[in-house]
Structure formats: C-alpha cells, structure tokens
Amino acid sequence: MRARLPADKTCCVHALWTDWRAGRIDPADGMPRTPIDQPGQPEKPELVAPHQVARRRVDTLPGRAALIHALAHIEFNAINLALDAAHRFAGMPPAYYADWLSVANEEAQHFELLNAHLATLGFTYGDFPAHNGLWDMVLKTAHDPLVRMALVPRVLEARGLDATPLIVDKLKAAKDTRMVEILAIIESDEIGHVAIGSRWFGWLCAARGLQPDTTFRQLLVDYDAPPLKPPFNLAARRRAGFSEAELDWLNGL
C-alpha cells in the first residue's frame, strides 16, 4: 500500500517502527525488493518547479505560514527518503535498516509537529505550492547506496542544518516561540540523521577502499549536486560526522 494522505503515511510509519523494534521485520527475509519510483502523495500541494515557489516575508501571517508549509513539505518528503533508503538497498547490515526506519519515524513526528502548528495559524499542508527536488535526488542516486548517503543526508539534509539558524532568527523576530521550539527539536534530530548518513557513507567507503573526503568531493561534481553555499553551520556539521578536513574545505568555499 502506498499511503497518500499525510495522516495515513505518518500512522503507517509509526506502526512500521513499532514492528521493527518488536522484531517482527527481518531485512534478510529474501523477499524481492521492487523499487518504488513514485511514493504515495496527496493531491495537494501542487508541485511546481523550484523557482516557481514564491518567497514571502516572515513578518506577515501568510508569509510565516508559507515558510512553515515549506518546512512541512521537506519533512513529508524526508519520510519517503528515509523509507526508500531502507527499502531500495538490499544486503546492508541490520543496523543500517534500523537507522533509516528510526529516521522515517522521526521525520513523521516532525511533519506532525509542523502541520499542527500550521493549523493554529489557519492553514494546512497543501495550501501552498511546493517542489519535488528532494525526490528527484532520490531517483538520481537510486543505483548506489554510497552515492545516496553522500548526496541526500550529507548534502540536502546538511543544507537544512545550515539554514536553521537563519530561520530561527526570523521566527524570533516574528515572536513565534512555538515554532522556535519545534525547530530546536527538528535540528537536534536532523543532526542525528546527517550523522547516520555520514556513518554509512564512511562504512561504504571503507568497504570499497575509498577515501571518504576526496570521494565526497568527486561525487558532488559527478552528480551535479546542489551547490554548497555559506554560511555553514559548522558546529552542527561537526556533530553530524563531517571531518575537520571537510569543515576546513567548506570554510574555503
């Protein structure tokens, strides 16, 4: 079943995580893994090109709602990203699947927090257009878990860590204290998610005899990854598993 409605998806994810922790799921059960190239999605939000997603002022109610909606859309897509990492790549250690199912569960919790806060402002998920850039990168990296670990958690999700302090400052100025609290929860969890990506990227590099730092930089070029732009949240990236050599390299960009 491909859950389309957000409430159905989050409920299914929480149940899946409960089943995993209860030992009711065996990642080595030999069942065929059919890749899912299009996950279940609701009819709204309307998906448009990234440049068509309007930027709005956070000091207005519609602008703040649009920002929170954009974050909710990221978290909704992140559920699918984590589930795909667990489903698509067979033959990894059991700890790998435990990691990504736990990530999916936390992403579902993040979406629920954001959508509940959006409702207090008189809006709901689907009220604003959004883009599908995160899932596009899933398809681009579908052939290799090493590439996936490099370019999804260590690029796309790490960019979220970089953006968080700027967003928090805007929300503090708008006096949205509840949203600041929610972002603190999300940032703490997302550091862990990026760290999981870093850990498995390093594990896969070691298994293949590759040097992680140079491999990561080459993959950025080979796959035309989104550009890395300062300011970087170096403290969060350090906690998320980026090496000092990588942080020095980022400082030089």
Protein backbone atom coordinates (compact mmCIF):
# COMPACT_ATOMS: atom_id res chain seq x y z
CA MET A 1 0.00 0.00 0.00
CA ARG A 2 1.26 3.47 -0.90
CA ALA A 3 -0.18 5.79 1.71
CA ARG A 4 -1.13 9.05 0.05
CA LEU A 5 -2.76 11.10 2.78
CA PRO A 6 -0.32 12.58 5.29
CA ALA A 7 -2.16 11.21 8.34
CA ASP A 8 -2.20 7.72 6.81
CA LYS A 9 1.50 7.88 5.97
CA THR A 10 2.61 9.02 9.40
CA CYS A 11 0.41 6.39 11.06
CA CYS A 12 1.89 3.64 8.86
CA VAL A 13 5.44 4.82 9.57
CA HIS A 14 4.91 4.80 13.33
CA ALA A 15 3.44 1.28 13.07
CA LEU A 16 6.38 0.14 10.94
CA TRP A 17 8.86 1.43 13.52
CA THR A 18 6.93 -0.33 16.28
CA ASP A 19 7.01 -3.60 14.30
CA TRP A 20 10.76 -3.26 13.72
CA ARG A 21 11.50 -2.69 17.39
CA ALA A 22 9.31 -5.67 18.28
CA GLY A 23 11.36 -7.90 15.96
CA ARG A 24 8.51 -8.52 13.54
CA ILE A 25 10.52 -7.41 10.48
CA ASP A 26 13.51 -9.28 9.05
CA PRO A 27 15.55 -7.28 6.50
CA ALA A 28 17.16 -10.52 5.26
CA ASP A 29 13.89 -12.37 4.62
CA GLY A 30 14.74 -12.89 0.94
CA MET A 31 11.60 -11.16 -0.31
CA PRO A 32 12.12 -9.34 -3.63
CA ARG A 33 12.52 -5.56 -3.32
CA THR A 34 10.68 -3.75 -6.07
CA PRO A 35 11.91 -0.14 -6.20
CA ILE A 36 9.19 2.45 -5.70
CA ASP A 37 9.92 5.29 -8.08
CA GLN A 38 6.85 7.33 -7.09
CA PRO A 39 5.74 7.27 -3.45
CA GLY A 40 2.21 8.00 -2.34
CA GLN A 41 1.45 11.71 -2.35
CA PRO A 42 -1.70 13.74 -1.65
CA GLU A 43 -3.37 15.70 -4.44
CA LYS A 44 -2.11 18.89 -2.82
CA PRO A 45 0.28 20.65 -2.58
CA GLU A 46 0.57 21.46 -6.26
CA LEU A 47 4.10 20.57 -7.35
CA VAL A 48 5.88 23.25 -9.37
CA ALA A 49 9.44 23.99 -10.44
CA PRO A 50 11.65 25.20 -7.56
CA HIS A 51 11.92 28.73 -8.98
CA GLN A 52 8.12 28.98 -9.02
CA VAL A 53 7.81 28.59 -5.25
CA ALA A 54 7.22 32.14 -4.08
CA ARG A 55 9.30 33.67 -1.29
CA ARG A 56 7.26 35.58 1.28
CA ARG A 57 8.01 37.87 4.20
CA VAL A 58 8.02 36.03 7.51
CA ASP A 59 6.71 39.11 9.32
CA THR A 60 3.29 38.57 7.72
CA LEU A 61 0.95 35.73 8.69
CA PRO A 62 0.68 34.28 5.16
CA GLY A 63 4.45 34.58 4.76
CA ARG A 64 5.15 32.77 8.02
CA ALA A 65 2.59 30.10 7.11
CA ALA A 66 4.27 29.65 3.72
CA LEU A 67 7.65 29.15 5.42
CA ILE A 68 6.22 26.57 7.85
CA HIS A 69 4.44 24.87 4.95
CA ALA A 70 7.75 24.63 3.07
CA LEU A 71 9.37 23.01 6.11
CA ALA A 72 6.44 20.60 6.46
CA HIS A 73 6.83 19.64 2.80
CA ILE A 74 10.52 18.92 3.36
CA GLU A 75 9.68 16.70 6.33
CA PHE A 76 6.90 14.89 4.43
CA ASN A 77 9.34 14.15 1.62
CA ALA A 78 12.00 13.16 4.14
CA ILE A 79 9.71 10.35 5.33
CA ASN A 80 9.77 8.94 1.81
CA LEU A 81 13.53 9.47 1.51
CA ALA A 82 14.24 7.50 4.68
CA LEU A 83 11.84 4.70 3.75
CA ASP A 84 13.42 4.47 0.30
CA ALA A 85 16.92 4.20 1.81
CA ALA A 86 15.68 1.26 3.89
CA HIS A 87 13.70 -0.42 1.12
CA ARG A 88 15.79 0.07 -2.01
CA PHE A 89 19.22 -1.15 -0.92
CA ALA A 90 19.38 -4.84 -0.02
CA GLY A 91 22.36 -6.57 1.58
CA MET A 92 23.26 -3.90 4.14
CA PRO A 93 23.81 -4.74 7.85
CA PRO A 94 20.68 -4.84 10.06
CA ALA A 95 21.84 -1.67 11.84
CA TYR A 96 21.52 0.21 8.54
CA TYR A 97 17.80 -0.62 8.29
CA ALA A 98 17.25 0.18 11.96
CA ASP A 99 18.84 3.58 11.41
CA TRP A 100 16.72 4.55 8.43
CA LEU A 101 13.45 3.28 9.87
CA SER A 102 14.14 5.32 13.01
CA VAL A 103 14.80 8.33 10.77
CA ALA A 104 11.48 7.79 8.96
CA ASN A 105 9.69 7.67 12.30
CA GLU A 106 11.29 10.94 13.45
CA GLU A 107 10.57 12.65 10.12
CA ALA A 108 6.90 11.68 10.55
CA GLN A 109 6.94 13.24 14.02
CA HIS A 110 8.46 16.42 12.58
CA PHE A 111 5.76 16.65 9.94
CA GLU A 112 3.06 16.20 12.57
CA LEU A 113 4.52 18.99 14.72
CA LEU A 114 4.75 21.40 11.78
CA ASN A 115 1.30 20.61 10.40
CA ALA A 116 -0.27 21.01 13.86
CA HIS A 117 1.37 24.41 14.25
CA LEU A 118 0.30 25.37 10.75
CA ALA A 119 -3.29 24.62 11.79
CA THR A 120 -3.04 27.12 14.66
CA LEU A 121 -2.34 29.78 12.02
CA GLY A 122 -5.40 28.79 10.00
CA PHE A 123 -3.59 26.79 7.29
CA THR A 124 -2.90 23.15 6.47
CA TYR A 125 -0.46 21.13 4.42
CA GLY A 126 -1.37 21.53 0.76
CA ASP A 127 -2.38 25.18 0.93
CA PHE A 128 0.77 26.41 -0.85
CA PRO A 129 2.66 25.15 -3.94
CA ALA A 130 5.81 23.10 -3.38
CA HIS A 131 8.54 21.43 -5.43
CA ASN A 132 9.79 17.86 -5.76
CA GLY A 133 13.54 18.47 -5.65
CA LEU A 134 14.25 16.08 -2.78
CA TRP A 135 12.64 13.12 -4.50
CA ASP A 136 14.40 13.97 -7.74
CA MET A 137 17.71 13.39 -5.94
CA VAL A 138 16.42 10.02 -4.68
CA LEU A 139 15.94 8.87 -8.26
CA LYS A 140 19.31 10.28 -9.26
CA THR A 141 21.03 8.21 -6.56
CA ALA A 142 18.86 5.08 -6.79
CA HIS A 143 21.62 2.86 -8.16
CA ASP A 144 24.13 3.02 -5.30
CA PRO A 145 23.79 3.42 -1.51
CA LEU A 146 27.20 5.12 -1.31
CA VAL A 147 26.05 7.86 -3.68
CA ARG A 148 22.75 8.11 -1.81
CA MET A 149 24.45 8.54 1.57
CA ALA A 150 26.76 11.19 0.14
CA LEU A 151 24.21 13.31 -1.69
CA VAL A 152 20.99 13.09 0.31
CA PRO A 153 21.86 13.24 4.03
CA ARG A 154 25.31 14.83 3.59
CA VAL A 155 24.22 17.44 1.04
CA LEU A 156 20.47 18.07 1.07
CA GLU A 157 19.83 17.46 4.76
CA ALA A 158 23.06 19.14 5.80
CA ARG A 159 21.95 22.26 3.93
CA GLY A 160 18.94 22.26 6.23
CA LEU A 161 21.30 22.42 9.20
CA ASP A 162 22.98 25.45 7.62
CA ALA A 163 19.65 27.21 7.10
CA THR A 164 18.20 26.60 10.56
CA PRO A 165 19.92 29.45 12.48
CA LEU A 166 18.76 32.00 9.89
CA ILE A 167 15.19 30.70 10.03
CA VAL A 168 15.21 30.72 13.83
CA ASP A 169 16.29 34.38 13.84
CA LYS A 170 13.37 35.28 11.54
CA LEU A 171 10.88 33.39 13.69
CA LYS A 172 12.18 35.01 16.86
CA ALA A 173 11.67 38.40 15.22
CA ALA A 174 8.12 37.33 14.36
CA LYS A 175 7.66 36.22 18.02
CA ASP A 176 6.64 32.70 17.01
CA THR A 177 8.04 31.00 20.10
CA ARG A 178 6.29 27.67 19.46
CA MET A 179 7.87 27.40 16.03
CA VAL A 180 11.28 28.15 17.51
CA GLU A 181 10.71 25.28 19.97
CA ILE A 182 9.71 22.93 17.14
CA LEU A 183 12.80 23.83 15.12
CA ALA A 184 15.01 23.07 18.13
CA ILE A 185 13.55 19.54 18.21
CA ILE A 186 13.95 19.13 14.47
CA GLU A 187 17.52 20.43 14.40
CA SER A 188 18.61 18.03 17.16
CA ASP A 189 17.09 15.07 15.31
CA GLU A 190 18.39 16.18 11.91
CA ILE A 191 21.95 16.34 13.20
CA GLY A 192 21.47 12.67 14.06
CA HIS A 193 20.07 11.94 10.61
CA VAL A 194 23.03 13.53 8.85
CA ALA A 195 25.33 11.65 11.24
CA ILE A 196 23.66 8.40 10.14
CA GLY A 197 24.35 9.32 6.53
CA SER A 198 27.96 10.14 7.39
CA ARG A 199 28.40 6.87 9.26
CA TRP A 200 27.11 4.69 6.41
CA PHE A 201 28.93 6.74 3.79
CA GLY A 202 32.16 6.10 5.72
CA TRP A 203 31.28 2.42 6.12
CA LEU A 204 30.67 2.01 2.39
CA CYS A 205 33.85 3.91 1.51
CA ALA A 206 35.87 1.63 3.81
CA ALA A 207 34.26 -1.46 2.30
CA ARG A 208 35.29 -0.28 -1.19
CA GLY A 209 38.74 1.02 -0.25
CA LEU A 210 37.83 4.65 -0.95
CA GLN A 211 39.00 7.80 0.83
CA PRO A 212 35.81 9.50 2.15
CA ASP A 213 36.76 13.19 1.82
CA THR A 214 38.01 13.02 -1.77
CA THR A 215 35.20 10.64 -2.77
CA PHE A 216 32.59 13.03 -1.40
CA ARG A 217 34.00 15.99 -3.30
CA GLN A 218 34.17 14.00 -6.54
CA LEU A 219 30.56 12.86 -6.18
CA LEU A 220 29.48 16.49 -5.85
CA VAL A 221 30.97 17.09 -9.29
CA ASP A 222 29.94 13.82 -10.92
CA TYR A 223 26.27 14.20 -9.96
CA ASP A 224 25.97 17.98 -10.33
CA ALA A 225 24.86 18.26 -6.71
CA PRO A 226 23.25 21.47 -5.47
CA PRO A 227 25.99 23.99 -4.71
CA LEU A 228 27.28 24.29 -1.15
CA LYS A 229 26.88 27.91 -0.11
CA PRO A 230 27.94 29.65 3.10
CA PRO A 231 27.17 30.43 5.83
CA PHE A 232 27.74 26.88 7.08
CA ASN A 233 26.59 25.63 10.45
CA LEU A 234 30.00 24.18 11.25
CA ALA A 235 29.12 23.16 14.81
CA ALA A 236 26.10 21.16 13.64
CA ARG A 237 28.03 19.64 10.73
CA ARG A 238 30.82 18.60 13.11
CA ARG A 239 28.29 16.83 15.34
CA ALA A 240 26.82 15.25 12.20
CA GLY A 241 30.06 13.50 11.29
CA PHE A 242 31.85 15.90 8.96
CA SER A 243 35.61 15.61 9.36
CA GLU A 244 37.82 18.57 10.26
CA ALA A 245 39.33 18.38 6.78
CA GLU A 246 35.85 18.69 5.27
CA LEU A 247 35.00 21.63 7.51
CA ASP A 248 38.26 23.35 6.53
CA TRP A 249 37.36 22.79 2.87
CA LEU A 250 33.89 24.24 3.41
CA ASN A 251 35.42 27.28 5.13
CA GLY A 252 37.42 27.89 1.97
CA LEU A 253 34.39 27.97 -0.33
